[in-house]
Amino acid sequence: NFLYFGTDVHYAADLFPFSSSLDRLHYSEAEGREAPLSACLEAARMAGGNTLQAALLVSLSLMLAEGTNPGFVGRITGRGLDYARQEGVAVLQRELARIELPDFSGSFQVLVLGDINYRFHSLKIQSFRLPSSTIVPVPSGGLKVSITDAFAEVLGEWQWRNWLASDHGSFDVKIEGLSISVGLKLGNDSAGRLTADTSACSTHISSVQVHIDGTWSWLYNLFDSQIESTLREAMEDQICQVVSSSVSSRLEPYLQTLPVTAKIDKVSGIDYSLVGPPVATSDSLDLGLKGEFFSLAHRSAAPFEPPALPFPVDHDRMLYFGASSYLFNTAGYVYYQAGALTYDITDDMIPKESKLRLNTSSFGPLVPQ
């Protein structure tokens, strides 16, 4: 019995069964699908030829099933992930603009002038733009974020000197054709919160153009390739460091602040912690949540197990949600145990003009002899 909602709501009857058959579906970890419990028992008997062994195998299956099936599921499709991409890339762009590039120096030899010692310092990123990006789920890998055609502008100071003369001035660098590829591994911690870690990062810069101002700026043409190569390596190294740092110091701490339970009223709360790591497919990111109501006065396990809840097959909308009967059953159980579903009606609550009274005269015909 499931309830799915995204754009449309699909309703299945009998959402409040408070009892379940022994032959409920359980989750088969080996095959990744549901199978009737009786079929599992029969298979175990055939395999071992021993009823006790079969019972132990079934008990193990139930232990594996316990807590695995979600009461609530969510699906984030490519359109939903695209919204998250926009927010994430905006944060990353601000972080990349704060990159601190190191000073660098060196020397080269020029006829007549001899050894020239140079130094580039006070490098500062003037702008950083990430105009094109994509995010796609990677089966068994999490998420992959790709940024292309990014560009940046760097300003700084330079100087050179030798035994004969010296000069200094400013320079600007245009970095174009910058691409960044980042892999994000998603999981869940013991509290059921979402976790994220950088699984891979690579960068590539297609073009670095340096323009130098100064009386002797023509000297730059003698070692331009060396300067451009140094700037390219420094930028590529810093970008992946910033990406990893942003995930570990900003994204992960933020995820740890997200609650996994919420108070509904004075009687109950709801637990929507993850029952397992998110599952990435080629089209979406699927989340299995506990989806369980619990008593605020005394939290205890529900006396029934969540049934298997398949994910919806649609991918057209940004988000899809699904709820099994377990969500509603736990709500009914909690409120019933708290006495919230009990209401006493006495005769003095009935209007005096009513012919129906709360006595045996009125209800006698309804009571079987």
Protein backbone atom coordinates (compact mmCIF):
# COMPACT_ATOMS: atom_id res chain seq x y z
CA ASN A 1 0.00 0.00 0.00
CA PHE A 2 1.74 3.12 -1.18
CA LEU A 3 1.03 6.78 -1.69
CA TYR A 4 3.11 8.67 -4.26
CA PHE A 5 3.02 12.34 -4.96
CA GLY A 6 4.97 14.57 -7.27
CA THR A 7 2.78 16.34 -9.75
CA ASP A 8 -0.03 13.77 -9.42
CA VAL A 9 -1.17 11.76 -6.42
CA HIS A 10 -1.63 8.01 -6.80
CA TYR A 11 -3.74 6.53 -4.04
CA ALA A 12 -3.91 2.94 -2.94
CA ALA A 13 -6.74 1.76 -0.68
CA ASP A 14 -6.34 0.20 2.78
CA LEU A 15 -3.75 2.64 4.09
CA PHE A 16 -4.40 1.80 7.73
CA PRO A 17 -4.00 -1.96 8.25
CA PHE A 18 -2.92 -2.45 11.87
CA SER A 19 -2.12 -6.14 11.36
CA SER A 20 0.10 -7.86 8.85
CA SER A 21 0.42 -11.40 7.55
CA LEU A 22 3.48 -13.52 8.30
CA ASP A 23 3.90 -13.87 4.57
CA ARG A 24 4.82 -10.18 4.26
CA LEU A 25 7.36 -9.16 1.65
CA HIS A 26 10.91 -8.83 2.94
CA TYR A 27 14.00 -7.36 1.37
CA SER A 28 16.47 -9.80 -0.16
CA GLU A 29 19.89 -8.17 0.22
CA ALA A 30 21.57 -10.65 -2.11
CA GLU A 31 19.18 -10.06 -5.00
CA GLY A 32 18.12 -6.52 -4.20
CA ARG A 33 14.39 -7.29 -4.59
CA GLU A 34 11.38 -8.41 -2.58
CA ALA A 35 10.41 -12.04 -2.10
CA PRO A 36 7.60 -13.72 -0.09
CA LEU A 37 8.79 -14.94 3.28
CA SER A 38 7.29 -18.38 2.68
CA ALA A 39 9.33 -18.70 -0.52
CA CYS A 40 12.47 -17.82 1.42
CA LEU A 41 11.62 -20.45 4.02
CA GLU A 42 11.09 -23.10 1.36
CA ALA A 43 14.36 -22.20 -0.36
CA ALA A 44 16.19 -22.41 2.96
CA ARG A 45 14.72 -25.83 3.66
CA MET A 46 15.73 -27.08 0.23
CA ALA A 47 19.24 -25.74 0.68
CA GLY A 48 19.90 -27.18 4.11
CA GLY A 49 17.29 -29.87 4.57
CA ASN A 50 17.02 -28.79 8.19
CA THR A 51 14.04 -26.96 9.69
CA LEU A 52 16.13 -25.36 12.44
CA GLN A 53 18.69 -24.16 9.92
CA ALA A 54 15.89 -22.85 7.75
CA ALA A 55 14.43 -20.96 10.70
CA LEU A 56 17.82 -19.41 11.44
CA LEU A 57 18.18 -18.32 7.83
CA VAL A 58 14.72 -16.76 7.90
CA SER A 59 15.54 -14.99 11.16
CA LEU A 60 18.67 -13.60 9.55
CA SER A 61 16.60 -12.38 6.61
CA LEU A 62 14.24 -10.61 8.96
CA MET A 63 17.19 -9.00 10.75
CA LEU A 64 18.49 -7.74 7.42
CA ALA A 65 15.05 -6.49 6.53
CA GLU A 66 14.59 -4.66 9.82
CA GLY A 67 15.20 -0.96 9.36
CA THR A 68 16.08 -1.39 5.69
CA ASN A 69 12.72 -0.68 4.13
CA PRO A 70 11.85 3.02 4.20
CA GLY A 71 8.45 4.38 5.15
CA PHE A 72 9.01 7.39 2.94
CA VAL A 73 11.02 7.79 -0.24
CA GLY A 74 12.14 10.78 -2.28
CA ARG A 75 13.45 11.06 -5.80
CA ILE A 76 15.43 14.06 -7.05
CA THR A 77 15.53 14.02 -10.83
CA GLY A 78 17.88 15.86 -13.15
CA ARG A 79 15.70 18.96 -13.00
CA GLY A 80 15.81 18.94 -9.21
CA LEU A 81 19.56 18.42 -9.17
CA ASP A 82 19.93 21.32 -11.59
CA TYR A 83 18.44 23.66 -9.00
CA ALA A 84 20.94 22.40 -6.42
CA ARG A 85 23.71 22.86 -9.00
CA GLN A 86 22.88 26.54 -9.43
CA GLU A 87 23.06 27.15 -5.69
CA GLY A 88 26.25 25.14 -5.26
CA VAL A 89 28.09 26.71 -8.20
CA ALA A 90 27.23 30.20 -6.93
CA VAL A 91 28.89 29.36 -3.60
CA LEU A 92 31.89 27.78 -5.33
CA GLN A 93 32.36 30.84 -7.54
CA ARG A 94 32.59 33.06 -4.46
CA GLU A 95 35.09 30.68 -2.86
CA LEU A 96 37.28 30.51 -5.97
CA ALA A 97 37.40 34.30 -6.12
CA ARG A 98 39.14 34.20 -2.72
CA ILE A 99 42.01 31.99 -3.90
CA GLU A 100 45.37 33.26 -2.68
CA LEU A 101 48.01 32.68 -5.35
CA PRO A 102 51.62 32.41 -4.16
CA ASP A 103 54.43 34.73 -5.21
CA PHE A 104 56.97 33.19 -7.53
CA SER A 105 60.42 34.16 -8.76
CA GLY A 106 63.22 32.91 -10.98
CA SER A 107 66.03 33.92 -13.28
CA PHE A 108 67.07 33.66 -16.90
CA GLN A 109 70.07 34.73 -18.94
CA VAL A 110 70.13 37.41 -21.63
CA LEU A 111 73.06 38.21 -23.89
CA VAL A 112 74.91 41.36 -22.86
CA LEU A 113 72.64 41.90 -19.82
CA GLY A 114 73.66 38.64 -18.15
CA ASP A 115 71.48 37.04 -15.46
CA ILE A 116 68.03 38.60 -14.94
CA ASN A 117 66.30 37.91 -11.62
CA TYR A 118 62.52 38.40 -11.64
CA ARG A 119 59.74 38.25 -9.10
CA PHE A 120 55.95 38.24 -9.43
CA HIS A 121 54.07 39.14 -6.25
CA SER A 122 50.85 40.53 -4.77
CA LEU A 123 48.73 38.33 -7.03
CA LYS A 124 45.01 38.89 -6.56
CA ILE A 125 42.06 37.41 -8.42
CA GLN A 126 40.02 40.27 -9.80
CA SER A 127 37.14 38.16 -11.09
CA PHE A 128 36.15 34.51 -11.45
CA ARG A 129 33.22 33.38 -13.58
CA LEU A 130 31.67 29.92 -13.96
CA PRO A 131 29.18 30.44 -16.82
CA SER A 132 28.53 26.82 -17.77
CA SER A 133 28.06 23.85 -15.46
CA THR A 134 26.23 20.54 -15.22
CA ILE A 135 25.47 17.99 -12.52
CA VAL A 136 24.64 14.37 -13.24
CA PRO A 137 24.09 11.34 -11.01
CA VAL A 138 26.67 8.60 -11.46
CA PRO A 139 25.43 5.06 -10.71
CA SER A 140 27.34 3.66 -7.71
CA GLY A 141 29.41 6.83 -7.67
CA GLY A 142 27.28 9.68 -6.34
CA LEU A 143 27.25 12.94 -8.28
CA LYS A 144 29.52 14.48 -10.89
CA VAL A 145 29.76 18.25 -11.27
CA SER A 146 31.35 19.56 -14.48
CA ILE A 147 32.24 23.19 -15.12
CA THR A 148 33.40 24.35 -18.56
CA ASP A 149 34.39 27.60 -20.25
CA ALA A 150 35.20 29.26 -16.94
CA PHE A 151 37.48 32.28 -16.93
CA ALA A 152 39.33 34.43 -14.43
CA GLU A 153 41.37 37.63 -14.30
CA VAL A 154 44.39 38.06 -12.05
CA LEU A 155 46.22 41.30 -11.20
CA GLY A 156 49.65 41.66 -9.60
CA GLU A 157 53.03 43.35 -9.44
CA TRP A 158 56.34 42.36 -11.01
CA GLN A 159 59.97 43.44 -10.83
CA TRP A 160 63.35 42.43 -12.19
CA ARG A 161 66.95 43.43 -11.61
CA ASN A 162 70.51 42.56 -12.53
CA TRP A 163 73.95 44.12 -12.20
CA LEU A 164 73.09 46.79 -14.78
CA ALA A 165 69.49 47.89 -14.30
CA SER A 166 66.12 47.12 -12.70
CA ASP A 167 62.47 47.76 -13.40
CA HIS A 168 59.03 47.08 -11.92
CA GLY A 169 55.41 47.46 -12.84
CA SER A 170 52.02 45.79 -12.84
CA PHE A 171 50.64 42.89 -14.83
CA ASP A 172 47.30 41.26 -15.53
CA VAL A 173 46.52 37.68 -16.47
CA LYS A 174 43.54 36.38 -18.41
CA ILE A 175 42.78 32.73 -17.77
CA GLU A 176 40.35 31.21 -20.26
CA GLY A 177 39.00 27.78 -21.14
CA LEU A 178 39.06 26.63 -17.53
CA SER A 179 37.32 23.30 -16.87
CA ILE A 180 36.67 21.66 -13.49
CA SER A 181 35.39 18.16 -12.83
CA VAL A 182 34.34 17.19 -9.30
CA GLY A 183 33.03 13.87 -7.98
CA LEU A 184 30.86 13.89 -4.86
CA LYS A 185 30.40 10.72 -2.83
CA LEU A 186 27.15 10.73 -0.87
CA GLY A 187 26.39 8.62 2.18
CA ASN A 188 24.69 8.69 5.56
CA ASP A 189 26.00 8.70 9.10
CA SER A 190 24.80 6.76 12.14
CA ALA A 191 22.17 9.43 12.88
CA GLY A 192 20.72 9.12 9.37
CA ARG A 193 22.02 12.46 8.15
CA LEU A 194 23.29 12.96 4.62
CA THR A 195 27.08 13.08 4.23
CA ALA A 196 29.19 14.31 1.31
CA ASP A 197 32.84 13.95 0.43
CA THR A 198 35.02 14.80 -2.57
CA SER A 199 35.84 11.58 -4.38
CA ALA A 200 37.68 13.15 -7.33
CA CYS A 201 38.76 16.53 -8.66
CA SER A 202 40.59 17.63 -11.79
CA THR A 203 41.13 20.95 -13.55
CA HIS A 204 42.47 22.04 -16.89
CA ILE A 205 43.29 25.50 -18.22
CA SER A 206 43.42 25.98 -21.97
CA SER A 207 44.80 29.51 -22.17
CA VAL A 208 46.87 31.81 -19.95
CA GLN A 209 47.65 35.27 -21.34
CA VAL A 210 49.91 37.63 -19.40
CA HIS A 211 50.20 41.35 -20.14
CA ILE A 212 53.01 43.31 -18.43
CA ASP A 213 53.34 47.08 -18.03
CA GLY A 214 56.73 48.71 -17.51
CA THR A 215 59.63 50.35 -19.30
CA TRP A 216 61.39 47.05 -19.83
CA SER A 217 58.27 44.97 -20.35
CA TRP A 218 59.69 43.71 -23.63
CA LEU A 219 61.87 41.43 -21.53
CA TYR A 220 58.78 39.41 -20.68
CA ASN A 221 58.70 38.02 -24.21
CA LEU A 222 61.96 36.24 -23.42
CA PHE A 223 60.43 34.10 -20.65
CA ASP A 224 56.66 34.35 -21.22
CA SER A 225 56.12 30.59 -21.54
CA GLN A 226 57.80 29.99 -18.19
CA ILE A 227 55.59 32.55 -16.42
CA GLU A 228 52.39 31.28 -18.02
CA SER A 229 53.23 27.68 -17.12
CA THR A 230 53.91 28.64 -13.50
CA LEU A 231 50.62 30.54 -13.23
CA ARG A 232 48.69 27.67 -14.82
CA GLU A 233 50.09 25.11 -12.37
CA ALA A 234 49.47 27.36 -9.37
CA MET A 235 45.87 28.01 -10.39
CA GLU A 236 45.08 24.36 -11.14
CA ASP A 237 46.51 23.23 -7.80
CA GLN A 238 44.61 25.87 -5.83
CA ILE A 239 41.24 25.19 -7.48
CA CYS A 240 41.01 21.55 -6.36
CA GLN A 241 42.17 22.51 -2.88
CA VAL A 242 39.39 25.09 -2.67
CA VAL A 243 36.81 22.59 -3.95
CA SER A 244 37.80 19.95 -1.38
CA SER A 245 37.90 22.55 1.37
CA SER A 246 34.46 23.89 0.43
CA VAL A 247 32.95 20.42 0.65
CA SER A 248 34.62 19.52 3.95
CA SER A 249 34.38 22.87 5.72
CA ARG A 250 31.11 24.26 4.33
CA LEU A 251 28.89 21.60 2.77
CA GLU A 252 29.51 18.77 5.24
CA PRO A 253 29.07 20.94 8.39
CA TYR A 254 25.88 22.34 6.89
CA LEU A 255 24.51 18.85 6.30
CA GLN A 256 25.25 18.00 9.94
CA THR A 257 22.96 20.84 11.07
CA LEU A 258 19.95 19.49 9.19
CA PRO A 259 17.42 17.88 11.55
CA VAL A 260 16.25 14.32 10.97
CA THR A 261 13.22 14.51 13.28
CA ALA A 262 10.47 17.08 13.73
CA LYS A 263 7.83 17.67 16.38
CA ILE A 264 4.29 17.38 15.01
CA ASP A 265 2.31 18.33 18.12
CA LYS A 266 2.32 17.60 21.85
CA VAL A 267 1.78 13.90 21.18
CA SER A 268 4.07 12.89 18.33
CA GLY A 269 7.08 13.61 16.18
CA ILE A 270 8.21 12.22 12.86
CA ASP A 271 11.55 10.62 12.01
CA TYR A 272 12.72 11.20 8.45
CA SER A 273 16.35 10.10 8.82
CA LEU A 274 18.02 8.18 6.00
CA VAL A 275 17.83 4.41 6.30
CA GLY A 276 20.75 4.02 3.89
CA PRO A 277 23.01 6.01 1.58
CA PRO A 278 21.40 7.80 -1.38
CA VAL A 279 21.25 5.69 -4.52
CA ALA A 280 22.32 7.36 -7.75
CA THR A 281 20.92 6.09 -11.02
CA SER A 282 21.49 7.41 -14.51
CA ASP A 283 18.41 9.64 -14.19
CA SER A 284 17.97 10.52 -10.54
CA LEU A 285 19.08 10.45 -6.93
CA ASP A 286 16.85 8.28 -4.73
CA LEU A 287 16.53 8.70 -0.97
CA GLY A 288 15.05 6.18 1.46
CA LEU A 289 13.79 7.81 4.67
CA LYS A 290 12.56 6.20 7.86
CA GLY A 291 9.14 7.84 7.62
CA GLU A 292 8.03 6.91 11.13
CA PHE A 293 5.84 8.67 13.69
CA PHE A 294 6.96 8.29 17.30
CA SER A 295 5.67 9.23 20.73
CA LEU A 296 7.26 12.25 22.37
CA ALA A 297 6.45 10.88 25.82
CA HIS A 298 8.03 7.46 25.32
CA ARG A 299 9.69 6.51 22.09
CA SER A 300 9.63 2.82 21.26
CA ALA A 301 9.82 0.67 18.17
CA ALA A 302 6.61 0.11 16.25
CA PRO A 303 5.15 -3.41 16.65
CA PHE A 304 5.17 -3.94 12.88
CA GLU A 305 7.72 -3.70 10.10
CA PRO A 306 7.69 -1.36 7.11
CA PRO A 307 6.75 -3.12 3.87
CA ALA A 308 8.94 -2.92 0.79
CA LEU A 309 8.42 0.42 -0.92
CA PRO A 310 9.51 0.65 -4.57
CA PHE A 311 10.48 3.99 -6.02
CA PRO A 312 8.26 5.68 -8.59
CA VAL A 313 9.25 5.12 -12.20
CA ASP A 314 8.64 8.70 -13.38
CA HIS A 315 11.41 11.24 -13.98
CA ASP A 316 9.55 14.17 -15.57
CA ARG A 317 9.24 16.41 -12.51
CA MET A 318 11.88 17.87 -10.22
CA LEU A 319 10.86 15.90 -7.13
CA TYR A 320 8.86 12.82 -6.33
CA PHE A 321 7.78 11.53 -2.94
CA GLY A 322 6.24 8.25 -1.88
CA ALA A 323 4.81 7.02 1.41
CA SER A 324 3.95 3.47 2.41
CA SER A 325 1.23 2.36 4.82
CA TYR A 326 3.97 2.21 7.48
CA LEU A 327 4.00 6.02 7.76
CA PHE A 328 0.25 6.18 8.40
CA ASN A 329 0.18 3.06 10.54
CA THR A 330 2.83 4.44 12.92
CA ALA A 331 0.84 7.68 13.16
CA GLY A 332 -2.32 5.77 14.04
CA TYR A 333 -0.46 3.58 16.52
CA VAL A 334 1.15 6.52 18.35
CA TYR A 335 -2.08 8.49 18.67
CA TYR A 336 -4.03 5.37 19.68
CA GLN A 337 -1.48 4.54 22.41
CA ALA A 338 -1.68 8.12 23.66
CA GLY A 339 -5.47 7.93 23.88
CA ALA A 340 -5.84 10.69 21.33
CA LEU A 341 -8.16 8.55 19.20
CA THR A 342 -10.56 7.94 22.11
CA TYR A 343 -13.52 10.28 22.59
CA ASP A 344 -16.18 9.86 25.28
CA ILE A 345 -19.73 10.93 24.57
CA THR A 346 -22.21 11.23 27.44
CA ASP A 347 -25.96 11.71 27.36
CA ASP A 348 -25.79 15.29 28.57
CA MET A 349 -23.88 16.15 25.39
CA ILE A 350 -26.88 15.15 23.26
CA PRO A 351 -29.34 17.99 22.51
CA LYS A 352 -32.41 17.75 24.77
CA GLU A 353 -34.77 17.85 21.81
CA SER A 354 -33.16 14.80 20.23
CA LYS A 355 -35.18 11.58 20.44
CA LEU A 356 -31.99 9.56 20.43
CA ARG A 357 -30.63 9.17 23.93
CA LEU A 358 -27.62 7.29 25.26
CA ASN A 359 -29.58 4.64 27.07
CA THR A 360 -30.78 1.08 26.55
CA SER A 361 -34.14 2.26 25.25
CA SER A 362 -32.53 3.97 22.25
CA PHE A 363 -29.82 1.37 21.59
CA GLY A 364 -31.75 -1.74 22.58
CA PRO A 365 -32.85 -2.55 19.00
CA LEU A 366 -29.22 -2.41 17.89
CA VAL A 367 -28.02 -4.89 20.49
CA PRO A 368 -28.35 -8.53 19.40
CA GLN A 369 -30.41 -10.75 21.71
